[in-house]
PDB file of N, CA and C in Angstrom:
ATOM      1  N   UNK A   1       0.810  -1.110   0.001  1.00  0.00           N
ATOM      2  CA  UNK A   1      -0.086   0.040  -0.133  1.00  0.00           C
ATOM      3  C   UNK A   1       0.778   1.283  -0.161  1.00  0.00           C
ATOM      4  N   UNK A   2       0.808   1.945  -0.925  1.00  0.00           N
ATOM      5  CA  UNK A   2       1.347   3.108  -1.042  1.00  0.00           C
ATOM      6  C   UNK A   2       0.807   4.422  -0.368  1.00  0.00           C
ATOM      7  N   UNK A   3       1.734   5.275  -0.145  1.00  0.00           N
ATOM      8  CA  UNK A   3       1.072   6.508   0.375  1.00  0.00           C
ATOM      9  C   UNK A   3       1.717   8.032  -0.091  1.00  0.00           C
ATOM     10  N   UNK A   4       0.992   8.778  -0.255  1.00  0.00           N
ATOM     11  CA  UNK A   4       1.706  10.231  -1.153  1.00  0.00           C
ATOM     12  C   UNK A   4       1.080  11.081  -0.094  1.00  0.00           C
ATOM     13  N   UNK A   5       2.064  12.295   0.264  1.00  0.00           N
ATOM     14  CA  UNK A   5       1.955  13.378   0.960  1.00  0.00           C
ATOM     15  C   UNK A   5       2.764  14.255   0.971  1.00  0.00           C
ATOM     16  N   UNK A   6       2.138  15.480   0.465  1.00  0.00           N
ATOM     17  CA  UNK A   6       3.241  16.585  -0.309  1.00  0.00           C
ATOM     18  C   UNK A   6       4.388  17.283   0.825  1.00  0.00           C
ATOM     19  N   UNK A   7       3.700  17.112   1.819  1.00  0.00           N
ATOM     20  CA  UNK A   7       4.488  17.592   3.233  1.00  0.00           C
ATOM     21  C   UNK A   7       5.935  16.949   3.586  1.00  0.00           C
ATOM     22  N   UNK A   8       5.811  15.463   2.977  1.00  0.00           N
ATOM     23  CA  UNK A   8       6.902  14.428   3.058  1.00  0.00           C
ATOM     24  C   UNK A   8       8.057  14.888   2.479  1.00  0.00           C
ATOM     25  N   UNK A   9       7.987  15.759   1.414  1.00  0.00           N
ATOM     26  CA  UNK A   9       8.598  16.447   0.492  1.00  0.00           C
ATOM     27  C   UNK A   9       8.716  17.803   0.122  1.00  0.00           C
ATOM     28  N   UNK A  10       8.529  18.810   1.131  1.00  0.00           N
ATOM     29  CA  UNK A  10       8.196  20.193   0.781  1.00  0.00           C
ATOM     30  C   UNK A  10       9.330  20.377  -0.356  1.00  0.00           C
ATOM     31  N   UNK A  11       8.688  21.261  -1.422  1.00  0.00           N
ATOM     32  CA  UNK A  11       9.180  21.961  -2.367  1.00  0.00           C
ATOM     33  C   UNK A  11       9.285  21.075  -3.721  1.00  0.00           C
ATOM     34  N   UNK A  12       8.923  19.948  -3.298  1.00  0.00           N
ATOM     35  CA  UNK A  12       9.368  18.804  -4.729  1.00  0.00           C
ATOM     36  C   UNK A  12       7.899  18.970  -5.439  1.00  0.00           C
ATOM     37  N   UNK A  13       6.737  18.829  -5.199  1.00  0.00           N
ATOM     38  CA  UNK A  13       5.458  19.012  -5.903  1.00  0.00           C
ATOM     39  C   UNK A  13       5.114  20.348  -6.211  1.00  0.00           C
ATOM     40  N   UNK A  14       5.072  20.684  -7.281  1.00  0.00           N
ATOM     41  CA  UNK A  14       4.546  22.301  -7.884  1.00  0.00           C
ATOM     42  C   UNK A  14       3.063  22.380  -7.423  1.00  0.00           C
ATOM     43  N   UNK A  15       2.515  21.311  -7.833  1.00  0.00           N
ATOM     44  CA  UNK A  15       0.792  21.341  -7.671  1.00  0.00           C
ATOM     45  C   UNK A  15       0.425  21.082  -6.686  1.00  0.00           C
ATOM     46  N   UNK A  16      -0.480  21.699  -5.798  1.00  0.00           N
ATOM     47  CA  UNK A  16      -0.975  21.329  -4.717  1.00  0.00           C
ATOM     48  C   UNK A  16      -2.240  20.438  -4.613  1.00  0.00           C
ATOM     49  N   UNK A  17      -2.389  19.433  -4.152  1.00  0.00           N
ATOM     50  CA  UNK A  17      -3.408  18.356  -3.837  1.00  0.00           C
ATOM     51  C   UNK A  17      -4.375  18.961  -3.387  1.00  0.00           C
ATOM     52  N   UNK A  18      -5.616  18.936  -3.721  1.00  0.00           N
ATOM     53  CA  UNK A  18      -6.961  19.578  -3.105  1.00  0.00           C
ATOM     54  C   UNK A  18      -7.807  18.423  -2.784  1.00  0.00           C
ATOM     55  N   UNK A  19      -8.403  18.525  -1.770  1.00  0.00           N
ATOM     56  CA  UNK A  19      -9.392  17.586  -1.220  1.00  0.00           C
ATOM     57  C   UNK A  19     -10.950  18.131  -1.390  1.00  0.00           C
ATOM     58  N   UNK A  20     -11.718  17.707  -1.802  1.00  0.00           N
ATOM     59  CA  UNK A  20     -12.975  18.518  -2.408  1.00  0.00           C
ATOM     60  C   UNK A  20     -13.880  18.362  -0.818  1.00  0.00           C
ATOM     61  N   UNK A  21     -15.013  18.923  -1.090  1.00  0.00           N
ATOM     62  CA  UNK A  21     -15.984  19.098  -0.121  1.00  0.00           C
ATOM     63  C   UNK A  21     -16.406  17.689   0.542  1.00  0.00           C
ATOM     64  N   UNK A  22     -16.333  16.647  -0.399  1.00  0.00           N
ATOM     65  CA  UNK A  22     -16.781  15.298   0.181  1.00  0.00           C
ATOM     66  C   UNK A  22     -15.534  14.553   0.503  1.00  0.00           C
ATOM     67  N   UNK A  23     -14.336  14.931   0.465  1.00  0.00           N
ATOM     68  CA  UNK A  23     -13.333  14.453   0.987  1.00  0.00           C
ATOM     69  C   UNK A  23     -12.681  13.411  -0.036  1.00  0.00           C
ATOM     70  N   UNK A  24     -12.982  13.542  -1.283  1.00  0.00           N
ATOM     71  CA  UNK A  24     -11.972  12.999  -2.280  1.00  0.00           C
ATOM     72  C   UNK A  24     -11.154  13.845  -2.785  1.00  0.00           C
ATOM     73  N   UNK A  25      -9.947  13.042  -3.261  1.00  0.00           N
ATOM     74  CA  UNK A  25      -9.015  13.707  -4.084  1.00  0.00           C
ATOM     75  C   UNK A  25      -8.969  13.289  -5.508  1.00  0.00           C
ATOM     76  N   UNK A  26      -8.950  14.170  -6.309  1.00  0.00           N
ATOM     77  CA  UNK A  26      -9.222  13.783  -8.030  1.00  0.00           C
ATOM     78  C   UNK A  26      -7.676  13.467  -8.264  1.00  0.00           C
ATOM     79  N   UNK A  27      -7.629  12.483  -9.467  1.00  0.00           N
ATOM     80  CA  UNK A  27      -6.597  12.226 -10.122  1.00  0.00           C
ATOM     81  C   UNK A  27      -5.994  13.683 -10.722  1.00  0.00           C
ATOM     82  N   UNK A  28      -4.797  13.567 -10.778  1.00  0.00           N
ATOM     83  CA  UNK A  28      -4.294  14.804 -11.720  1.00  0.00           C
ATOM     84  C   UNK A  28      -4.345  14.559 -13.154  1.00  0.00           C
ATOM     85  N   UNK A  29      -4.651  15.390 -13.902  1.00  0.00           N
ATOM     86  CA  UNK A  29      -4.602  15.378 -15.230  1.00  0.00           C
ATOM     87  C   UNK A  29      -3.704  15.797 -16.191  1.00  0.00           C
ATOM     88  N   UNK A  30      -2.437  16.278 -15.597  1.00  0.00           N
ATOM     89  CA  UNK A  30      -1.382  17.117 -16.633  1.00  0.00           C
ATOM     90  C   UNK A  30      -0.932  15.873 -17.466  1.00  0.00           C
ATOM     91  N   UNK A  31      -0.011  16.188 -18.410  1.00  0.00           N
ATOM     92  CA  UNK A  31       0.743  14.825 -19.126  1.00  0.00           C
ATOM     93  C   UNK A  31       1.895  14.324 -17.991  1.00  0.00           C
ATOM     94  N   UNK A  32       2.191  13.286 -18.179  1.00  0.00           N
ATOM     95  CA  UNK A  32       3.369  12.579 -17.334  1.00  0.00           C
ATOM     96  C   UNK A  32       2.655  12.110 -16.406  1.00  0.00           C
ATOM     97  N   UNK A  33       3.305  12.158 -15.007  1.00  0.00           N
ATOM     98  CA  UNK A  33       2.901  11.828 -13.950  1.00  0.00           C
ATOM     99  C   UNK A  33       1.353  12.516 -13.439  1.00  0.00           C
ATOM    100  N   UNK A  34       1.250  13.563 -14.038  1.00  0.00           N
ATOM    101  CA  UNK A  34      -0.005  14.279 -13.768  1.00  0.00           C
ATOM    102  C   UNK A  34       0.082  15.467 -13.065  1.00  0.00           C
ATOM    103  N   UNK A  35       1.198  15.747 -12.552  1.00  0.00           N
ATOM    104  CA  UNK A  35       1.688  16.881 -11.837  1.00  0.00           C
ATOM    105  C   UNK A  35       3.103  17.509 -11.954  1.00  0.00           C
ATOM    106  N   UNK A  36       3.232  18.576 -11.841  1.00  0.00           N
ATOM    107  CA  UNK A  36       4.654  19.317 -12.011  1.00  0.00           C
ATOM    108  C   UNK A  36       5.628  18.935 -10.934  1.00  0.00           C
ATOM    109  N   UNK A  37       6.683  18.826 -11.090  1.00  0.00           N
ATOM    110  CA  UNK A  37       7.910  18.201  -9.904  1.00  0.00           C
ATOM    111  C   UNK A  37       8.934  19.128 -10.119  1.00  0.00           C
ATOM    112  N   UNK A  38       9.565  19.836  -9.278  1.00  0.00           N
ATOM    113  CA  UNK A  38      10.783  20.700  -9.018  1.00  0.00           C
ATOM    114  C   UNK A  38      12.084  19.633  -8.791  1.00  0.00           C
ATOM    115  N   UNK A  39      12.796  19.176 -10.148  1.00  0.00           N
ATOM    116  CA  UNK A  39      13.681  18.304 -10.147  1.00  0.00           C
ATOM    117  C   UNK A  39      14.774  18.744  -9.381  1.00  0.00           C
ATOM    118  N   UNK A  40      15.165  19.977  -9.230  1.00  0.00           N
ATOM    119  CA  UNK A  40      16.448  20.522  -8.662  1.00  0.00           C
ATOM    120  C   UNK A  40      16.040  19.947  -7.160  1.00  0.00           C
ATOM    121  N   UNK A  41      15.051  20.139  -6.647  1.00  0.00           N
ATOM    122  CA  UNK A  41      14.485  19.787  -5.232  1.00  0.00           C
ATOM    123  C   UNK A  41      14.643  18.500  -4.961  1.00  0.00           C
ATOM    124  N   UNK A  42      13.962  17.795  -6.001  1.00  0.00           N
ATOM    125  CA  UNK A  42      13.631  16.151  -5.690  1.00  0.00           C
ATOM    126  C   UNK A  42      15.232  15.483  -5.680  1.00  0.00           C
ATOM    127  N   UNK A  43      16.114  16.223  -6.775  1.00  0.00           N
ATOM    128  CA  UNK A  43      17.596  15.539  -6.387  1.00  0.00           C
ATOM    129  C   UNK A  43      18.367  15.736  -4.924  1.00  0.00           C
ATOM    130  N   UNK A  44      17.552  17.192  -4.587  1.00  0.00           N
ATOM    131  CA  UNK A  44      18.405  17.507  -3.130  1.00  0.00           C
ATOM    132  C   UNK A  44      18.142  16.441  -2.245  1.00  0.00           C
ATOM    133  N   UNK A  45      16.707  15.995  -2.045  1.00  0.00           N
ATOM    134  CA  UNK A  45      16.263  15.400  -1.241  1.00  0.00           C
ATOM    135  C   UNK A  45      16.141  13.841  -1.675  1.00  0.00           C
ATOM    136  N   UNK A  46      16.842  13.427  -2.840  1.00  0.00           N
ATOM    137  CA  UNK A  46      17.188  11.839  -2.920  1.00  0.00           C
ATOM    138  C   UNK A  46      18.100  11.397  -1.928  1.00  0.00           C
ATOM    139  N   UNK A  47      17.849  10.282  -1.167  1.00  0.00           N
ATOM    140  CA  UNK A  47      19.051   9.555  -0.809  1.00  0.00           C
ATOM    141  C   UNK A  47      19.709   8.749  -1.409  1.00  0.00           C
ATOM    142  N   UNK A  48      19.014   8.010  -2.468  1.00  0.00           N
ATOM    143  CA  UNK A  48      20.139   7.220  -3.451  1.00  0.00           C
ATOM    144  C   UNK A  48      19.578   7.180  -4.689  1.00  0.00           C
ATOM    145  N   UNK A  49      20.137   6.901  -5.593  1.00  0.00           N
ATOM    146  CA  UNK A  49      19.898   6.623  -7.085  1.00  0.00           C
ATOM    147  C   UNK A  49      20.707   5.291  -7.630  1.00  0.00           C
ATOM    148  N   UNK A  50      19.778   4.265  -8.056  1.00  0.00           N
ATOM    149  CA  UNK A  50      20.313   3.191  -8.631  1.00  0.00           C
ATOM    150  C   UNK A  50      20.027   3.417 -10.170  1.00  0.00           C
ATOM    151  N   UNK A  51      20.965   2.960 -10.722  1.00  0.00           N
ATOM    152  CA  UNK A  51      21.127   2.767 -12.343  1.00  0.00           C
ATOM    153  C   UNK A  51      21.224   1.612 -12.918  1.00  0.00           C
ATOM    154  N   UNK A  52      20.527   1.181 -13.558  1.00  0.00           N
ATOM    155  CA  UNK A  52      20.287  -0.144 -14.103  1.00  0.00           C
ATOM    156  C   UNK A  52      20.773   0.023 -15.285  1.00  0.00           C
TER     157      UNK A  52
END
């Protein structure tokens, strides 16, 4: 079971996930992963990179 919480990686996710009035979070609709990522910040918080 996975978990996604933008507070775990502050500054990495550029789009805010919003919960509607009924408590639902709607899937992102942008191309790729569906939301924008600050790759510079993502690299900064990355502990290990494995290349295959």
